[in-house]
Protein backbone atom coordinates (compact mmCIF):
# COMPACT_ATOMS: atom_id res chain seq x y z
CA UNK A 1 176.39 78.59 10.94
CA UNK A 2 179.82 79.44 9.68
CA UNK A 3 181.10 76.84 7.25
CA UNK A 4 184.69 75.79 7.85
CA UNK A 5 186.61 74.68 4.79
CA UNK A 6 188.95 71.77 4.40
CA UNK A 7 192.67 72.26 4.56
CA UNK A 8 193.71 73.33 1.11
CA UNK A 9 196.82 72.04 -0.59
CA UNK A 10 199.75 74.27 0.25
CA UNK A 11 200.18 76.58 -2.76
CA UNK A 12 203.90 76.81 -2.06
CA UNK A 13 204.33 73.06 -2.24
CA UNK A 14 205.79 71.40 -5.29
CA UNK A 15 203.21 70.73 -8.00
CA UNK A 16 202.14 67.11 -8.41
CA UNK A 17 201.94 65.99 -12.03
CA UNK A 18 200.18 63.13 -13.79
CA UNK A 19 203.08 60.75 -13.21
CA UNK A 20 202.03 60.62 -9.55
CA UNK A 21 198.58 59.41 -10.63
CA UNK A 22 200.17 56.66 -12.71
CA UNK A 23 202.31 55.57 -9.75
CA UNK A 24 199.28 55.51 -7.45
CA UNK A 25 197.14 53.48 -9.86
CA UNK A 26 199.95 50.99 -10.44
CA UNK A 27 200.39 50.57 -6.69
CA UNK A 28 196.67 49.99 -6.13
CA UNK A 29 196.51 47.55 -9.05
CA UNK A 30 199.43 45.63 -7.53
CA UNK A 31 197.61 45.51 -4.18
CA UNK A 32 194.50 44.24 -5.96
CA UNK A 33 196.42 41.41 -7.63
CA UNK A 34 198.18 40.51 -4.38
CA UNK A 35 194.84 40.35 -2.55
CA UNK A 36 193.34 38.27 -5.36
CA UNK A 37 196.18 35.77 -5.16
CA UNK A 38 195.81 35.51 -1.36
CA UNK A 39 192.06 35.10 -1.73
CA UNK A 40 192.55 32.17 -4.08
CA UNK A 41 195.27 30.57 -1.97
CA UNK A 42 193.05 30.64 1.12
CA UNK A 43 190.13 29.01 -0.73
CA UNK A 44 188.19 32.24 -1.05
CA UNK A 45 186.67 31.25 -4.39
CA UNK A 46 185.56 27.79 -3.33
CA UNK A 47 181.97 26.96 -4.04
CA UNK A 48 181.20 25.03 -0.86
CA UNK A 49 181.91 27.75 1.71
CA UNK A 50 179.46 28.39 4.48
CA UNK A 51 178.18 31.96 4.78
CA UNK A 52 178.20 31.63 8.57
CA UNK A 53 181.91 30.94 8.68
CA UNK A 54 183.08 34.54 8.56
CA UNK A 55 182.05 38.13 8.22
CA UNK A 56 184.27 39.57 5.56
CA UNK A 57 182.81 38.36 2.26
CA UNK A 58 182.90 35.34 0.01
CA UNK A 59 185.26 32.66 1.14
CA UNK A 60 185.81 29.96 3.72
CA UNK A 61 185.72 32.45 6.60
CA UNK A 62 189.40 32.16 7.58
CA UNK A 63 190.99 35.42 8.74
CA UNK A 64 193.25 35.36 5.67
CA UNK A 65 190.30 35.01 3.30
CA UNK A 66 188.38 37.77 5.08
CA UNK A 67 191.38 40.10 4.94
CA UNK A 68 191.94 39.30 1.28
CA UNK A 69 188.33 40.09 0.36
CA UNK A 70 188.54 43.34 2.30
CA UNK A 71 191.79 44.26 0.52
CA UNK A 72 190.21 43.50 -2.85
CA UNK A 73 187.36 45.88 -2.11
CA UNK A 74 189.70 48.55 -0.75
CA UNK A 75 191.89 48.53 -3.87
CA UNK A 76 188.90 48.41 -6.21
CA UNK A 77 187.35 51.45 -4.49
CA UNK A 78 190.57 53.44 -4.70
CA UNK A 79 191.16 52.66 -8.35
CA UNK A 80 187.54 53.45 -9.26
CA UNK A 81 187.52 56.66 -7.20
CA UNK A 82 190.77 57.90 -8.70
CA UNK A 83 189.53 57.17 -12.20
CA UNK A 84 186.48 59.30 -11.44
CA UNK A 85 188.34 62.27 -9.93
CA UNK A 86 191.14 62.38 -12.48
CA UNK A 87 189.23 61.14 -15.53
CA UNK A 88 190.36 64.07 -17.79
CA UNK A 89 193.90 62.66 -17.60
CA UNK A 90 192.96 59.11 -18.57
CA UNK A 91 191.88 57.42 -21.75
CA UNK A 92 188.10 58.04 -21.62
CA UNK A 93 187.00 54.80 -23.27
CA UNK A 94 189.15 52.63 -21.02
CA UNK A 95 188.30 54.42 -17.76
CA UNK A 96 184.56 54.53 -18.42
CA UNK A 97 184.63 50.82 -19.18
CA UNK A 98 186.49 49.63 -16.07
CA UNK A 99 185.14 52.06 -13.46
CA UNK A 100 181.57 50.67 -13.23
CA UNK A 101 182.99 47.14 -13.23
CA UNK A 102 185.15 47.93 -10.21
CA UNK A 103 182.14 49.45 -8.47
CA UNK A 104 180.15 46.29 -9.22
CA UNK A 105 182.90 44.11 -7.79
CA UNK A 106 183.31 46.15 -4.61
CA UNK A 107 179.56 46.24 -4.01
CA UNK A 108 179.09 42.53 -4.65
CA UNK A 109 181.89 41.51 -2.29
CA UNK A 110 180.62 43.85 0.44
CA UNK A 111 177.00 42.72 0.60
CA UNK A 112 177.55 39.61 2.70
CA UNK A 113 179.46 41.49 5.37
CA UNK A 114 176.88 44.30 5.33
CA UNK A 115 174.01 41.89 6.06
CA UNK A 116 175.97 40.19 8.84
CA UNK A 117 176.91 43.49 10.49
CA UNK A 118 173.31 44.72 10.18
CA UNK A 119 171.94 41.62 11.88
CA UNK A 120 174.45 41.89 14.73
CA UNK A 121 173.66 45.57 15.18
CA UNK A 122 169.90 44.96 15.35
CA UNK A 123 170.16 41.99 17.72
CA UNK A 124 172.40 43.95 20.07
CA UNK A 125 169.98 46.88 20.00
CA UNK A 126 167.03 44.59 20.72
CA UNK A 127 168.74 43.09 23.75
CA UNK A 128 169.76 46.50 25.00
CA UNK A 129 166.27 47.94 24.59
CA UNK A 130 164.51 44.97 26.17
CA UNK A 131 166.83 44.96 29.17
CA UNK A 132 168.12 41.43 28.56
CA UNK A 133 171.50 41.07 30.23
CA UNK A 134 172.59 37.79 28.64
CA UNK A 135 173.28 37.89 24.92
CA UNK A 136 172.89 34.85 22.66
CA UNK A 137 176.06 32.83 22.11
CA UNK A 138 175.99 33.71 18.42
CA UNK A 139 175.92 37.44 19.16
CA UNK A 140 178.70 37.22 21.76
CA UNK A 141 180.86 35.21 19.35
CA UNK A 142 180.20 37.70 16.58
CA UNK A 143 181.27 40.58 18.81
CA UNK A 144 184.56 38.82 19.44
CA UNK A 145 185.42 38.26 15.78
CA UNK A 146 188.76 39.84 15.09
CA UNK A 147 188.87 41.39 18.54
CA UNK A 148 186.97 44.43 17.34
CA UNK A 149 183.70 46.11 18.28
CA UNK A 150 181.13 45.64 15.58
CA UNK A 151 178.53 48.17 14.38
CA UNK A 152 175.79 48.71 16.89
CA UNK A 153 178.07 48.29 19.92
CA UNK A 154 178.26 51.83 21.23
CA UNK A 155 180.53 53.25 23.86
CA UNK A 156 177.70 55.14 25.55
CA UNK A 157 174.62 52.89 25.78
CA UNK A 158 173.00 54.96 28.50
CA UNK A 159 172.07 58.12 26.56
CA UNK A 160 168.55 59.46 26.18
CA UNK A 161 168.11 57.76 22.82
CA UNK A 162 168.00 54.38 24.59
CA UNK A 163 165.48 55.21 27.33
CA UNK A 164 162.45 52.90 27.50
CA UNK A 165 159.63 53.47 29.96
CA UNK A 166 159.26 50.61 32.53
CA UNK A 167 155.61 50.10 31.59
CA UNK A 168 156.60 49.56 27.97
CA UNK A 169 159.57 47.31 28.62
CA UNK A 170 157.39 44.31 29.41
CA UNK A 171 155.62 44.54 26.06
CA UNK A 172 158.95 45.05 24.33
CA UNK A 173 160.48 42.02 26.03
CA UNK A 174 157.58 39.82 24.93
CA UNK A 175 158.01 40.74 21.28
CA UNK A 176 161.81 41.11 21.24
CA UNK A 177 162.51 37.38 20.97
CA UNK A 178 160.15 36.92 18.02
CA UNK A 179 161.38 40.14 16.42
CA UNK A 180 164.97 38.94 16.74
CA UNK A 181 164.09 35.57 15.25
CA UNK A 182 162.30 37.25 12.34
CA UNK A 183 165.24 39.56 11.66
CA UNK A 184 167.66 36.66 11.86
CA UNK A 185 165.65 34.63 9.34
CA UNK A 186 165.36 37.52 6.88
CA UNK A 187 168.91 38.83 7.12
CA UNK A 188 170.52 35.38 7.23
CA UNK A 189 168.65 34.48 4.06
CA UNK A 190 169.80 37.73 2.47
CA UNK A 191 173.36 37.05 3.58
CA UNK A 192 173.28 33.51 2.17
CA UNK A 193 172.11 34.85 -1.17
CA UNK A 194 174.80 37.54 -1.11
CA UNK A 195 177.40 34.88 -0.33
CA UNK A 196 176.30 32.78 -3.30
CA UNK A 197 176.23 35.85 -5.54
CA UNK A 198 179.78 36.78 -4.52
CA UNK A 199 181.06 33.28 -5.19
CA UNK A 200 179.41 33.25 -8.60
CA UNK A 201 180.83 36.70 -9.35
CA UNK A 202 184.38 35.63 -8.46
CA UNK A 203 184.13 32.72 -10.87
CA UNK A 204 182.45 34.65 -13.68
CA UNK A 205 183.95 35.78 -16.96
CA UNK A 206 182.97 39.32 -15.97
CA UNK A 207 185.26 39.21 -12.94
CA UNK A 208 188.11 37.66 -14.92
CA UNK A 209 187.81 40.48 -17.45
CA UNK A 210 188.11 43.00 -14.62
CA UNK A 211 191.12 41.18 -13.18
CA UNK A 212 192.79 41.16 -16.61
CA UNK A 213 192.29 44.92 -16.97
CA UNK A 214 193.72 45.53 -13.50
CA UNK A 215 196.71 43.32 -14.35
CA UNK A 216 197.40 45.50 -17.38
CA UNK A 217 196.98 48.60 -15.21
CA UNK A 218 199.70 47.33 -12.86
CA UNK A 219 202.25 47.74 -15.65
CA UNK A 220 200.76 50.33 -18.00
CA UNK A 221 198.44 53.23 -17.09
CA UNK A 222 196.52 54.60 -20.11
CA UNK A 223 197.15 58.30 -19.53
CA UNK A 224 196.37 60.91 -22.16
CA UNK A 225 199.40 62.38 -24.00
CA UNK A 226 199.22 65.61 -21.98
CA UNK A 227 198.70 63.92 -18.59
CA UNK A 228 202.35 63.42 -17.49
CA UNK A 229 202.92 67.17 -17.34
CA UNK A 230 199.47 68.18 -16.08
CA UNK A 231 199.15 69.31 -12.49
CA UNK A 232 196.78 67.24 -10.35
CA UNK A 233 196.01 69.98 -7.82
CA UNK A 234 193.07 71.59 -9.69
CA UNK A 235 191.29 68.25 -10.10
CA UNK A 236 191.75 67.43 -6.41
CA UNK A 237 190.51 70.93 -5.54
CA UNK A 238 187.41 70.31 -7.68
CA UNK A 239 186.72 67.14 -5.67
CA UNK A 240 187.07 69.18 -2.48
CA UNK A 241 184.69 71.82 -3.82
CA UNK A 242 182.06 69.22 -4.69
CA UNK A 243 182.31 67.92 -1.13
CA UNK A 244 181.99 71.32 0.51
CA UNK A 245 179.03 72.23 -1.73
CA UNK A 246 177.26 69.00 -0.80
CA UNK A 247 177.88 69.59 2.90
CA UNK A 248 176.61 73.17 2.60
CA UNK A 249 173.33 71.81 1.22
CA UNK A 250 172.85 69.48 4.21
CA UNK A 251 170.35 70.51 6.92
CA UNK A 252 173.02 70.79 9.61
CA UNK A 253 170.70 72.87 11.78
CA UNK A 254 168.20 70.01 11.81
CA UNK A 255 171.04 67.68 12.72
CA UNK A 256 171.37 69.57 15.99
CA UNK A 257 167.91 68.54 17.15
CA UNK A 258 167.64 65.33 19.20
CA UNK A 259 164.36 64.23 17.62
CA UNK A 260 163.33 64.17 13.97
CA UNK A 261 159.66 63.20 13.81
CA UNK A 262 159.50 63.38 10.02
CA UNK A 263 162.15 60.68 9.74
CA UNK A 264 160.25 58.33 12.05
CA UNK A 265 156.92 58.86 10.28
CA UNK A 266 158.37 58.09 6.87
CA UNK A 267 160.22 55.01 8.09
CA UNK A 268 157.06 53.36 9.42
CA UNK A 269 154.91 54.23 6.41
CA UNK A 270 153.74 51.46 4.04
CA UNK A 271 156.01 52.89 1.33
CA UNK A 272 159.27 50.85 1.30
CA UNK A 273 161.25 53.40 -0.73
CA UNK A 274 164.58 54.70 0.71
CA UNK A 275 164.31 57.48 3.23
CA UNK A 276 164.37 60.85 1.40
CA UNK A 277 166.38 62.52 4.16
CA UNK A 278 169.22 60.01 3.95
CA UNK A 279 170.19 60.35 0.28
CA UNK A 280 172.12 63.65 0.57
CA UNK A 281 174.05 62.31 3.56
CA UNK A 282 175.01 59.16 1.69
CA UNK A 283 176.17 61.34 -1.20
CA UNK A 284 178.37 63.38 1.15
CA UNK A 285 179.89 60.15 2.43
CA UNK A 286 180.77 59.16 -1.14
CA UNK A 287 182.23 62.58 -1.94
CA UNK A 288 184.28 62.54 1.26
CA UNK A 289 185.72 59.20 0.28
CA UNK A 290 186.61 60.49 -3.20
CA UNK A 291 188.36 63.50 -1.70
CA UNK A 292 190.35 61.27 0.67
CA UNK A 293 191.51 59.20 -2.29
CA UNK A 294 192.48 62.37 -4.16
CA UNK A 295 194.61 63.41 -1.18
CA UNK A 296 196.29 60.01 -1.26
CA UNK A 297 197.17 60.53 -4.92
CA UNK A 298 198.62 63.98 -4.23
CA UNK A 299 200.69 62.93 -1.23
CA UNK A 300 201.54 59.37 -2.24
CA UNK A 301 202.30 57.24 0.80
CA UNK A 302 203.00 60.33 2.92
CA UNK A 303 199.47 61.75 3.12
CA UNK A 304 199.05 63.49 6.49
CA UNK A 305 196.27 62.20 8.70
CA UNK A 306 193.46 64.74 8.74
CA UNK A 307 191.70 64.09 12.04
CA UNK A 308 188.70 66.16 10.97
CA UNK A 309 188.17 64.16 7.81
CA UNK A 310 188.64 60.91 9.71
CA UNK A 311 186.09 61.84 12.40
CA UNK A 312 183.58 63.10 9.85
CA UNK A 313 183.96 59.91 7.82
CA UNK A 314 183.39 57.73 10.87
CA UNK A 315 180.21 59.66 11.68
CA UNK A 316 178.94 59.17 8.13
CA UNK A 317 179.70 55.45 8.32
CA UNK A 318 177.64 55.21 11.50
CA UNK A 319 174.90 57.18 9.76
CA UNK A 320 174.78 54.71 6.88
CA UNK A 321 174.80 51.67 9.17
CA UNK A 322 171.99 53.04 11.35
CA UNK A 323 169.95 54.10 8.33
CA UNK A 324 170.18 50.66 6.74
CA UNK A 325 169.43 48.95 10.06
CA UNK A 326 166.33 51.12 10.53
CA UNK A 327 165.18 50.22 7.02
CA UNK A 328 165.65 46.51 7.79
CA UNK A 329 163.58 46.85 10.97
CA UNK A 330 160.83 48.68 9.09
CA UNK A 331 160.87 46.05 6.35
CA UNK A 332 160.53 43.27 8.94
CA UNK A 333 157.61 45.14 10.53
CA UNK A 334 155.78 44.94 7.18
CA UNK A 335 155.85 41.12 7.31
CA UNK A 336 152.25 39.84 7.12
CA UNK A 337 150.60 38.15 10.11
CA UNK A 338 153.16 39.00 12.78
CA UNK A 339 151.91 39.44 16.33
CA UNK A 340 151.24 42.92 17.77
CA UNK A 341 154.04 42.43 20.32
CA UNK A 342 156.50 41.61 17.53
CA UNK A 343 155.39 44.63 15.52
CA UNK A 344 155.74 46.82 18.60
CA UNK A 345 159.28 45.60 19.26
CA UNK A 346 160.24 46.23 15.64
CA UNK A 347 158.73 49.72 15.82
CA UNK A 348 160.76 50.55 18.93
CA UNK A 349 163.85 49.13 17.23
CA UNK A 350 163.23 51.26 14.15
CA UNK A 351 162.84 54.38 16.27
CA UNK A 352 166.04 53.55 18.14
CA UNK A 353 168.02 53.24 14.91
CA UNK A 354 166.56 56.50 13.57
CA UNK A 355 167.76 58.12 16.79
CA UNK A 356 171.19 56.68 15.98
CA UNK A 357 170.92 58.29 12.54
CA UNK A 358 170.25 61.67 14.15
CA UNK A 359 173.11 61.16 16.61
CA UNK A 360 175.49 60.40 13.73
CA UNK A 361 174.36 63.53 11.89
CA UNK A 362 174.98 65.61 14.99
CA UNK A 363 178.44 64.03 15.40
CA UNK A 364 179.23 64.89 11.78
CA UNK A 365 178.06 68.46 12.32
CA UNK A 366 180.33 68.80 15.36
CA UNK A 367 183.31 67.33 13.51
CA UNK A 368 182.80 69.38 10.36
CA UNK A 369 182.68 72.71 12.14
CA UNK A 370 186.03 72.17 13.79
CA UNK A 371 189.20 73.60 12.34
CA UNK A 372 191.28 71.18 10.32
CA UNK A 373 193.79 69.30 12.47
CA UNK A 374 196.42 67.16 10.81
CA UNK A 375 198.55 64.61 12.60
CA UNK A 376 202.20 64.21 11.63
């Protein structure tokens, strides 16, 4: 298949120097501090919060607290990603010290939401597969949070990936309730632990050290002496090249097939290790994110919307969500002493989510092979 390349920076455009990187990092550091202040004002670092109160991370579950936690993660990711892409222009000791700390913070704050979204996705899939028309109150309420559709709620629930033979649906229905209860126990426990971990992290000396470094970054960016006059284009182009090389190595031909038996066999094996097929796709998702951040640095607040990058990123997000949901279903199926009907329902659920993985890969393939389209 012909590989289409991303839209390159216009060679006739004015060169972007290191001062633009400093401006971008200062802006993201300011956003981080603003989100941190809002998080504290809305009780986001209180120790008595209930993990069932919201879906956005540690806090009391108010919309303001959820938005603040999300903004904290967003700024931390952008600062960390920019430090990685443009590290030759920054003080190496400082950047290598703060970058893993920002990654730790973003990951810790995101775990609670990830577990909640995974549970909602799996429960919705169970009800869809078992033919149950009425959803539990908890699931309906969760779908209405923020007025948005949550992961697992697809716009086309009638495709071939969701077909279940009538003779099998009775067995699936019998085990679906117990499978859902088992998943809810396991993922709610994991979410509660993630909530406690996030609260502890936000009150730790480690977090305060990160916040202090970001506060300094908001006023003074530790660039190298040569950075202010160094062009950023080659470093952004290197990030683009790493992305295109990683995509070239993906089995995009396999992504065009509707059924991937190897993926299903591995997922139901006794070995709980991550799926070997998923790693390269997760890496592409990370590299795509780094390239998007590099584009933001180059264009400042006027970065054109690349529809192709946006669509490809959404497909990779769906791929990650389905992959992690399938792993959770497989892990639940390994629970000792569950009934055969429960194990059967979890097996069908796992297969359904692996089909979603394949569908996301195919969607990425279709998006990637299109010509770059930018919106004004």
